[in-house]
Protein backbone atom coordinates (compact mmCIF):
# COMPACT_ATOMS: atom_id res chain seq x y z
CA MET A 1 63.04 24.75 14.71
CA ALA A 2 63.95 22.03 15.40
CA THR A 3 63.84 20.23 12.34
CA THR A 4 65.84 23.22 10.30
CA GLN A 5 68.51 22.06 13.63
CA ALA A 6 68.83 18.58 12.51
CA ILE A 7 69.13 19.43 8.97
CA LEU A 8 71.90 21.48 9.98
CA SER A 9 73.80 18.91 11.95
CA ALA A 10 73.12 16.76 9.46
CA THR A 11 74.64 18.89 7.25
CA LEU A 12 77.81 19.38 9.27
CA ALA A 13 78.12 15.58 9.35
CA ILE A 14 78.36 14.95 5.72
CA ALA A 15 80.82 18.07 5.02
CA PRO A 16 83.96 16.85 2.69
CA ALA A 17 86.70 16.07 5.88
CA SER A 18 89.18 17.00 3.44
CA SER A 19 87.90 20.48 3.52
CA CYS A 20 86.84 21.19 7.12
CA GLU A 21 89.09 17.96 9.14
CA THR A 22 92.06 19.99 10.12
CA SER A 23 92.25 22.28 12.95
CA SER A 24 94.62 24.92 11.42
CA ARG A 25 93.28 25.66 8.33
CA SER A 26 93.85 28.97 6.10
CA PRO A 27 90.61 31.29 5.72
CA ALA A 28 91.10 30.33 2.23
CA SER A 29 90.29 26.61 3.31
CA THR A 30 87.59 27.95 6.19
CA LYS A 31 85.90 29.85 3.30
CA THR A 32 85.67 26.81 1.53
CA CYS A 33 84.35 24.65 3.99
CA LEU A 34 81.30 27.35 4.95
CA SER A 35 80.60 27.09 1.21
CA VAL A 36 80.37 23.79 0.62
CA ALA A 37 78.26 23.48 4.40
CA GLY A 38 75.61 25.89 3.04
CA SER A 39 75.43 24.63 0.10
CA SER A 40 74.42 21.20 1.44
CA LEU A 41 72.60 23.54 4.06
CA HIS A 42 70.36 24.67 1.09
CA GLY A 43 69.89 21.08 -0.29
CA SER A 44 68.68 19.79 2.65
CA VAL A 45 65.73 22.36 2.94
CA ALA A 46 64.74 22.66 -0.82
CA GLY A 47 64.23 18.63 -0.17
CA LEU A 48 62.35 19.14 3.15
CA GLY A 49 59.80 21.53 1.00
CA ALA A 50 59.67 18.75 -1.69
CA GLY A 51 59.05 16.85 1.57
CA LYS A 52 55.98 18.33 2.53
CA GLN A 53 55.15 18.75 -1.15
CA ILE A 54 55.42 15.10 -1.39
CA VAL A 55 53.36 14.47 1.64
CA SER A 56 50.83 16.83 1.28
CA VAL A 57 50.10 14.78 -2.61
CA GLN A 58 49.70 11.50 -0.99
CA ARG A 59 46.80 12.82 1.77
CA LYS A 60 44.87 14.34 -1.23
CA SER A 61 45.28 10.99 -2.94
CA VAL A 62 44.08 9.15 -0.04
CA ALA A 63 41.59 11.68 -0.25
CA VAL A 64 40.57 11.00 -3.61
CA ARG A 65 40.85 6.72 -2.93
CA ALA A 66 38.49 7.57 -0.31
CA ALA A 67 35.92 9.66 -1.99
CA VAL A 68 36.27 7.25 -5.43
CA ALA A 69 35.62 4.21 -2.70
CA ALA A 70 32.72 5.78 -1.32
CA GLU A 71 31.60 6.85 -4.53
CA THR A 72 32.18 3.23 -5.89
CA ALA A 73 30.57 1.39 -2.12
CA ALA A 74 26.77 3.98 -2.90
CA PRO A 75 25.60 1.57 -5.34
CA LYS A 76 26.12 -1.38 -3.88
CA GLN A 77 24.18 -0.65 -1.34
CA GLN A 78 21.47 0.38 -3.24
CA ALA A 79 21.45 -2.80 -4.73
CA LYS A 80 21.35 -4.40 -1.48
CA SER A 81 18.06 -2.30 -0.51
CA GLN A 82 16.11 -3.92 -3.36
CA TYR A 83 16.54 -7.39 -1.42
CA ASP A 84 15.31 -5.28 1.57
CA ILE A 85 11.24 -6.74 1.63
CA THR A 86 8.68 -6.53 3.72
CA THR A 87 6.52 -9.40 3.01
CA LEU A 88 2.40 -8.72 4.10
CA THR A 89 3.24 -12.15 7.09
CA THR A 90 5.91 -9.92 8.38
CA TRP A 91 4.14 -7.05 7.93
CA LEU A 92 1.25 -8.53 10.14
CA LEU A 93 3.77 -10.25 12.70
CA LYS A 94 4.82 -6.86 13.24
CA LYS A 95 1.48 -5.45 13.31
CA GLU A 96 0.56 -8.08 16.11
CA GLN A 97 4.18 -7.63 17.97
CA ALA A 98 3.02 -4.04 18.38
CA GLY A 99 -0.54 -4.38 19.98
CA VAL A 100 -2.39 -3.56 17.49
CA ILE A 101 -4.39 -6.61 15.84
CA ASP A 102 -4.04 -9.98 17.80
CA GLY A 103 -3.13 -13.22 17.10
CA GLU A 104 -6.19 -14.59 15.71
CA LEU A 105 -7.32 -11.35 13.09
CA THR A 106 -3.50 -12.31 12.09
CA ILE A 107 -4.53 -15.31 11.19
CA VAL A 108 -7.76 -14.23 9.31
CA LEU A 109 -5.83 -11.63 7.22
CA SER A 110 -3.82 -14.59 6.35
CA SER A 111 -5.87 -16.98 5.02
CA ILE A 112 -8.09 -14.20 3.00
CA ALA A 113 -4.67 -13.52 1.25
CA LEU A 114 -4.23 -16.74 0.72
CA ALA A 115 -7.60 -16.46 -1.36
CA CYS A 116 -6.65 -13.67 -3.10
CA LYS A 117 -4.29 -16.01 -4.11
CA GLN A 118 -5.79 -18.80 -5.58
CA ILE A 119 -8.29 -16.31 -7.48
CA ALA A 120 -5.72 -14.06 -8.79
CA SER A 121 -4.35 -17.44 -10.51
CA LEU A 122 -7.60 -18.36 -11.79
CA VAL A 123 -8.43 -15.19 -13.07
CA GLN A 124 -5.46 -15.27 -15.03
CA ARG A 125 -5.94 -18.72 -16.47
CA ALA A 126 -9.88 -18.13 -16.79
CA GLY A 127 -9.35 -17.81 -20.80
CA ILE A 128 -7.44 -20.91 -20.95
CA SER A 129 -9.30 -23.18 -18.52
CA ASN A 130 -13.10 -22.60 -19.71
CA MET A 131 -13.78 -20.55 -16.56
CA THR A 132 -15.35 -17.50 -18.84
CA GLY A 133 -19.18 -17.11 -19.63
CA LEU A 134 -22.39 -17.93 -17.34
CA GLN A 135 -22.75 -20.63 -14.19
CA GLY A 136 -26.93 -20.66 -15.45
CA ALA A 137 -27.59 -19.71 -12.13
CA ALA A 138 -28.73 -16.04 -10.04
CA ASN A 139 -27.77 -14.65 -7.19
CA ILE A 140 -29.56 -13.74 -4.70
CA GLN A 141 -29.63 -10.14 -5.67
CA GLY A 142 -31.54 -11.77 -9.17
CA GLU A 143 -28.09 -11.30 -10.83
CA ASP A 144 -26.55 -13.58 -13.27
CA GLN A 145 -23.39 -15.77 -11.95
CA LYS A 146 -20.45 -15.93 -14.31
CA LYS A 147 -18.45 -19.50 -13.70
CA LEU A 148 -15.65 -17.11 -11.83
CA ASP A 149 -18.08 -16.01 -9.02
CA VAL A 150 -18.98 -19.44 -8.09
CA ILE A 151 -15.44 -20.60 -7.87
CA SER A 152 -13.78 -17.56 -5.97
CA ASN A 153 -17.10 -18.02 -3.41
CA GLU A 154 -16.20 -20.93 -2.78
CA VAL A 155 -11.98 -20.79 -2.48
CA PHE A 156 -12.60 -18.07 0.03
CA SER A 157 -14.83 -19.32 2.33
CA SER A 158 -13.01 -22.61 2.26
CA CYS A 159 -9.93 -20.40 3.29
CA LEU A 160 -11.72 -18.54 5.98
CA ARG A 161 -13.82 -21.85 7.30
CA SER A 162 -10.15 -23.30 7.39
CA SER A 163 -8.24 -20.64 9.75
CA GLY A 164 -10.14 -21.42 12.79
CA ARG A 165 -10.36 -17.90 13.94
CA THR A 166 -13.52 -17.30 11.71
CA GLY A 167 -17.25 -17.36 13.65
CA ILE A 168 -19.63 -15.99 10.42
CA ILE A 169 -19.42 -15.45 7.23
CA ALA A 170 -21.60 -13.66 5.10
CA SER A 171 -21.27 -13.49 1.07
CA GLU A 172 -22.40 -11.66 -1.90
CA GLU A 173 -23.21 -14.90 -3.41
CA GLU A 174 -24.89 -16.90 -0.37
CA ASP A 175 -28.46 -16.03 0.25
CA THR A 176 -27.57 -15.78 4.65
CA PRO A 177 -24.97 -15.98 6.85
CA VAL A 178 -23.05 -18.81 7.51
CA ALA A 179 -22.00 -20.21 11.11
CA VAL A 180 -18.82 -21.99 10.88
CA GLU A 181 -19.38 -25.42 12.21
CA GLU A 182 -18.05 -25.46 15.69
CA SER A 183 -15.16 -27.48 15.28
CA TYR A 184 -13.30 -24.61 13.37
CA SER A 185 -15.34 -21.60 14.53
CA GLY A 186 -14.24 -18.46 15.88
CA ASN A 187 -14.37 -15.40 17.11
CA TYR A 188 -14.86 -13.00 13.93
CA ILE A 189 -16.71 -12.08 11.03
CA VAL A 190 -16.17 -11.55 7.55
CA VAL A 191 -18.28 -10.46 5.42
CA PHE A 192 -17.30 -10.08 1.37
CA ASP A 193 -17.74 -9.61 -2.85
CA PRO A 194 -15.20 -12.62 -3.64
CA LEU A 195 -15.00 -11.38 -7.20
CA ASP A 196 -16.61 -7.72 -8.05
CA GLY A 197 -16.38 -6.85 -10.85
CA SER A 198 -16.68 -9.99 -12.77
CA SER A 199 -18.94 -8.47 -15.53
CA ASN A 200 -15.31 -7.63 -17.06
CA ILE A 201 -13.89 -11.18 -16.39
CA ASP A 202 -14.39 -12.41 -20.40
CA ALA A 203 -12.81 -8.48 -21.63
CA ALA A 204 -9.57 -9.21 -18.97
CA VAL A 205 -10.59 -5.87 -17.65
CA SER A 206 -9.46 -5.47 -13.89
CA THR A 207 -11.62 -7.30 -11.38
CA GLY A 208 -11.09 -7.64 -7.69
CA SER A 209 -12.26 -9.25 -3.66
CA ILE A 210 -13.46 -6.88 -1.22
CA TRP A 211 -13.83 -7.63 2.32
CA GLY A 212 -14.39 -6.48 6.19
CA ILE A 213 -14.17 -8.38 9.44
CA TYR A 214 -15.96 -7.43 12.53
CA LYS A 215 -16.31 -8.74 15.87
CA PRO A 216 -18.99 -9.80 17.23
CA ASN A 217 -20.55 -9.31 20.26
CA GLU A 218 -22.31 -12.16 20.68
CA GLU A 219 -21.18 -15.57 19.35
CA CYS A 220 -23.39 -16.38 16.40
CA LEU A 221 -24.88 -19.59 18.31
CA THR A 222 -25.26 -17.91 21.47
CA ASN A 223 -28.39 -17.85 23.96
CA LEU A 224 -30.43 -20.38 22.07
CA GLY A 225 -32.24 -23.60 22.77
CA GLU A 226 -30.71 -26.76 23.06
CA GLU A 227 -32.07 -27.65 19.56
CA PRO A 228 -32.13 -24.37 17.47
CA THR A 229 -34.22 -24.00 14.30
CA ILE A 230 -32.94 -23.24 10.69
CA ASP A 231 -34.59 -19.65 10.88
CA GLU A 232 -33.13 -19.68 14.79
CA ILE A 233 -29.74 -19.49 14.19
CA ALA A 234 -30.21 -17.10 10.96
CA GLU A 235 -31.92 -14.51 12.55
CA ASN A 236 -29.19 -14.66 15.11
CA CYS A 237 -26.44 -14.90 13.13
CA VAL A 238 -28.34 -11.80 11.46
CA VAL A 239 -27.91 -9.54 13.95
CA ASN A 240 -24.53 -9.89 14.32
CA VAL A 241 -23.96 -9.37 10.98
CA CYS A 242 -25.58 -6.57 10.10
CA GLN A 243 -23.03 -4.20 12.01
CA PRO A 244 -22.04 -0.15 11.03
CA GLY A 245 -19.21 0.06 9.55
CA SER A 246 -17.81 1.93 12.19
CA ASN A 247 -17.39 -1.60 13.76
CA LEU A 248 -15.00 -2.69 11.19
CA LEU A 249 -12.00 -3.93 12.65
CA SER A 250 -10.56 -4.36 9.12
CA ALA A 251 -11.16 -4.00 5.86
CA GLY A 252 -9.28 -4.42 2.30
CA TYR A 253 -9.42 -5.55 -1.66
CA CYS A 254 -7.28 -7.22 -3.92
CA MET A 255 -7.33 -6.30 -7.48
CA TYR A 256 -6.39 -8.03 -10.21
CA SER A 257 -5.04 -6.49 -12.93
CA SER A 258 -1.75 -6.40 -14.90
CA SER A 259 -0.17 -6.52 -11.30
CA VAL A 260 -2.12 -8.21 -8.49
CA ILE A 261 -2.35 -5.60 -5.39
CA LEU A 262 -3.68 -6.37 -2.04
CA VAL A 263 -4.57 -2.85 -0.16
CA LEU A 264 -5.45 -3.35 3.56
CA SER A 265 -6.15 -1.42 6.76
CA VAL A 266 -6.32 -2.68 10.36
CA GLY A 267 -6.93 0.62 11.80
CA ASP A 268 -3.69 2.55 11.86
CA GLY A 269 -3.38 3.68 7.93
CA VAL A 270 -3.75 1.84 4.27
CA TYR A 271 -0.72 -0.13 3.10
CA GLY A 272 -0.73 -1.52 -0.43
CA PHE A 273 1.59 -5.07 -1.18
CA THR A 274 1.90 -6.03 -4.63
CA LEU A 275 1.88 -9.81 -5.49
CA ASP A 276 5.50 -10.61 -6.48
CA PRO A 277 5.62 -13.48 -8.85
CA LEU A 278 9.78 -14.16 -8.04
CA TYR A 279 8.78 -15.18 -3.82
CA GLY A 280 4.96 -15.77 -4.43
CA GLU A 281 4.29 -13.21 -1.56
CA PHE A 282 2.19 -9.91 -1.46
CA VAL A 283 5.05 -7.40 -0.24
CA LEU A 284 4.86 -3.84 0.83
CA SER A 285 4.90 -1.67 -1.70
CA HIS A 286 2.00 1.06 -1.13
CA ASP A 287 3.25 3.21 2.69
CA ASN A 288 0.63 4.44 4.53
CA ILE A 289 -1.20 5.20 2.08
CA GLN A 290 -2.96 8.77 1.72
CA ILE A 291 -5.74 10.24 -0.72
CA PRO A 292 -5.38 13.95 -2.22
CA LYS A 293 -7.40 16.07 -0.64
CA SER A 294 -9.30 16.82 -3.57
CA GLY A 295 -8.68 15.53 -7.13
CA LYS A 296 -9.90 16.20 -11.27
CA ILE A 297 -11.53 12.93 -12.20
CA TYR A 298 -14.69 11.45 -11.11
CA SER A 299 -16.17 8.01 -12.25
CA MET A 300 -19.72 7.60 -12.41
CA ASN A 301 -21.85 5.63 -15.29
CA GLU A 302 -23.14 8.86 -16.95
CA GLY A 303 -24.73 5.76 -19.54
CA ASN A 304 -27.49 6.26 -16.59
CA TYR A 305 -27.17 10.79 -16.63
CA ALA A 306 -31.56 10.50 -17.56
CA LEU A 307 -32.41 8.35 -14.60
CA TRP A 308 -30.78 10.76 -11.71
CA ASP A 309 -31.90 13.59 -10.45
CA ASP A 310 -31.23 17.14 -11.26
CA ASN A 311 -29.38 18.21 -8.65
CA LEU A 312 -26.96 15.49 -9.27
CA LYS A 313 -27.02 16.29 -12.76
CA LYS A 314 -26.23 19.96 -11.93
CA TYR A 315 -23.46 18.12 -9.98
CA VAL A 316 -21.72 15.98 -12.97
CA ASP A 317 -22.47 19.28 -15.52
CA SER A 318 -20.14 22.04 -13.22
CA LEU A 319 -17.33 19.20 -13.30
CA LYS A 320 -17.42 19.04 -17.42
CA ASP A 321 -18.10 23.14 -17.69
CA PRO A 322 -16.69 24.92 -14.42
CA GLY A 323 -16.51 27.29 -16.75
CA THR A 324 -13.95 30.47 -16.18
CA SER A 325 -13.48 28.89 -12.55
CA GLY A 326 -11.28 26.28 -13.67
CA LYS A 327 -10.27 23.45 -15.88
CA PRO A 328 -12.22 20.09 -16.72
CA TYR A 329 -12.56 17.02 -14.81
CA SER A 330 -11.63 14.05 -16.24
CA ALA A 331 -13.87 11.12 -16.24
CA ARG A 332 -12.51 7.78 -15.71
CA TYR A 333 -14.99 4.62 -15.87
CA ILE A 334 -14.16 0.59 -15.69
CA GLY A 335 -17.05 -0.81 -14.21
CA SER A 336 -14.95 -2.18 -11.70
CA LEU A 337 -15.68 -0.79 -8.23
CA VAL A 338 -12.45 -2.13 -7.30
CA GLY A 339 -10.43 -0.81 -9.79
CA ASP A 340 -12.11 2.55 -9.95
CA PHE A 341 -11.50 3.05 -6.28
CA HIS A 342 -8.11 1.94 -6.73
CA ARG A 343 -7.50 4.60 -9.05
CA THR A 344 -9.51 7.19 -7.08
CA MET A 345 -7.46 6.37 -3.72
CA LEU A 346 -4.02 7.20 -5.32
CA TYR A 347 -4.93 10.17 -7.64
CA GLY A 348 -7.81 11.72 -5.44
CA GLY A 349 -11.14 12.74 -7.37
CA ILE A 350 -14.49 11.10 -6.76
CA TYR A 351 -15.99 7.56 -7.33
CA GLY A 352 -19.88 7.54 -7.32
CA TYR A 353 -22.69 5.09 -7.96
CA PRO A 354 -25.95 7.21 -7.59
CA ARG A 355 -29.45 5.72 -6.76
CA ASP A 356 -31.76 6.48 -9.89
CA SER A 357 -34.99 6.18 -11.47
CA LYS A 358 -34.80 2.52 -11.58
CA SER A 359 -32.71 1.74 -8.99
CA LYS A 360 -33.99 3.85 -5.69
CA ASN A 361 -31.48 2.94 -3.44
CA GLY A 362 -28.20 2.58 -5.63
CA LYS A 363 -26.45 -1.02 -6.56
CA LEU A 364 -24.11 -1.16 -4.44
CA ARG A 365 -23.72 -3.82 -1.23
CA LEU A 366 -23.66 -1.25 2.07
CA LEU A 367 -22.04 -4.31 4.14
CA TYR A 368 -19.60 -5.65 2.16
CA GLU A 369 -19.31 -3.12 -0.37
CA CYS A 370 -19.40 0.59 0.68
CA ALA A 371 -18.78 0.21 3.98
CA PRO A 372 -15.16 -1.38 3.03
CA MET A 373 -14.30 1.09 0.50
CA SER A 374 -15.65 3.78 3.44
CA TYR A 375 -13.46 2.49 6.03
CA LEU A 376 -10.55 2.31 3.77
CA ALA A 377 -11.57 6.37 2.53
CA GLU A 378 -11.20 7.33 5.77
CA GLN A 379 -8.20 5.57 7.19
CA ALA A 380 -6.11 7.59 3.64
CA GLY A 381 -8.01 10.53 4.80
CA GLY A 382 -10.68 11.26 2.06
CA LYS A 383 -14.45 10.44 2.86
CA GLY A 384 -17.40 8.25 2.20
CA SER A 385 -20.74 9.43 1.79
CA ASP A 386 -24.34 8.46 0.32
CA GLY A 387 -25.12 12.58 -0.52
CA HIS A 388 -25.98 13.11 2.86
CA GLN A 389 -24.82 10.89 5.55
CA ARG A 390 -21.93 9.00 6.55
CA ILE A 391 -21.80 5.66 5.05
CA LEU A 392 -20.38 3.88 8.12
CA ASP A 393 -22.53 5.34 10.59
CA ILE A 394 -25.63 3.66 8.59
CA GLN A 395 -26.93 0.88 10.33
CA PRO A 396 -27.67 -2.63 7.88
CA GLU A 397 -31.12 -3.64 8.04
CA GLN A 398 -30.68 -6.04 5.64
CA VAL A 399 -27.48 -8.14 4.60
CA HIS A 400 -27.63 -7.45 1.00
CA GLN A 401 -29.12 -3.99 1.91
CA ARG A 402 -27.87 -1.31 -1.34
CA VAL A 403 -27.06 2.19 -0.84
CA PRO A 404 -25.81 5.02 -3.07
CA LEU A 405 -21.75 5.82 -2.92
CA TYR A 406 -19.84 8.10 -2.99
CA VAL A 407 -16.38 8.40 -2.25
CA GLY A 408 -12.98 9.25 -2.74
CA SER A 409 -11.13 13.03 -1.83
CA VAL A 410 -12.95 14.88 1.03
CA GLU A 411 -13.45 18.19 -0.96
CA GLU A 412 -14.71 17.00 -3.86
CA VAL A 413 -17.44 14.19 -1.46
CA GLU A 414 -18.16 17.52 0.47
CA LYS A 415 -18.37 19.14 -2.97
CA LEU A 416 -20.80 16.92 -4.12
CA GLU A 417 -22.89 16.84 -0.55
CA SER A 418 -23.31 20.49 -1.28
CA PHE A 419 -24.99 20.11 -4.39
CA LEU A 420 -27.25 17.41 -3.56
CA SER A 421 -28.61 19.21 -0.37
CA SER A 422 -29.20 22.32 -2.33
């Protein structure tokens, strides 16, 4: 209303003086004056409507520009997030700050990551650095050692010793556990297979390193005399090293394949880190890995089928020929524990290395292969078993003790156990 009055006042103010300025005008002139004023008023009201339309269009224009700006900014924000990376070092420090691990374990794990980087480089250059083929010696298990087996063991051992936080190291390639020199020793026990799947090295197939970390019940050299013998030291070290997998503080593996992937758990889930060649750092790429509850892939060396017991044969036959109950499982077998297990972690299913008539206890070692992998499987919601009991509950009696291993999705492992117990 106020706006209309203002327009009327302005209209009267701009009416022609010749028509309206005299007070003694005739009726005809008065009619002309009012007509002019009315025309002016009509034009002003029309102008007001046009003004409102202009304001409305301007508002719409502003809204459109804001929407376009938001759409334009979104790709920029996404592009920026590509550089928002979490390195293994950052991840470990956050775990330390949260109280999940202590500073000493952070150093041990960082040393292992360094060893994995060095071994990855050696594996990638093996074919052009004359590091393929046999070394000409055998390890404690009687297996022929590859050149890279020996070199990888030296790399792993050196990195762990120099960390200053490792007290005892036990390797697949060493006869007995080794106590780190007192000036560099720490409290942690590290067991490891420096290069699993070494039979695949010459063919450039996936290989990997496996490790597990224990906290000792007592230091390796305590409660010994002033001049302990080598046998006394070795025996005391073995007592500390031979712990069930349920005592593991951390475990992991590093796979050397088309990419280098380090998978790790410190007791609160499983996480994967991919080595970024641009930065030379392991970067978080698999956050909180979970094994599917079931799967359609089985991974076993069926070349030994004739040597298996009848119940195991029935189980495998049921996977290949489920009848009308479902679709047959797919068989995938690399021949590298790390490679086969990594696929099982991501896609589900079951990996198995059973006992047979030739190898009564299987071929995989409990301490530094079966226990760490079963620990990771359970942390990811899976299961590890020897066919009858939980792998992590088995008390090792020897450093290089062998056991059968079945690991993967809970439903698949339990199905196998039901066949073996029948």
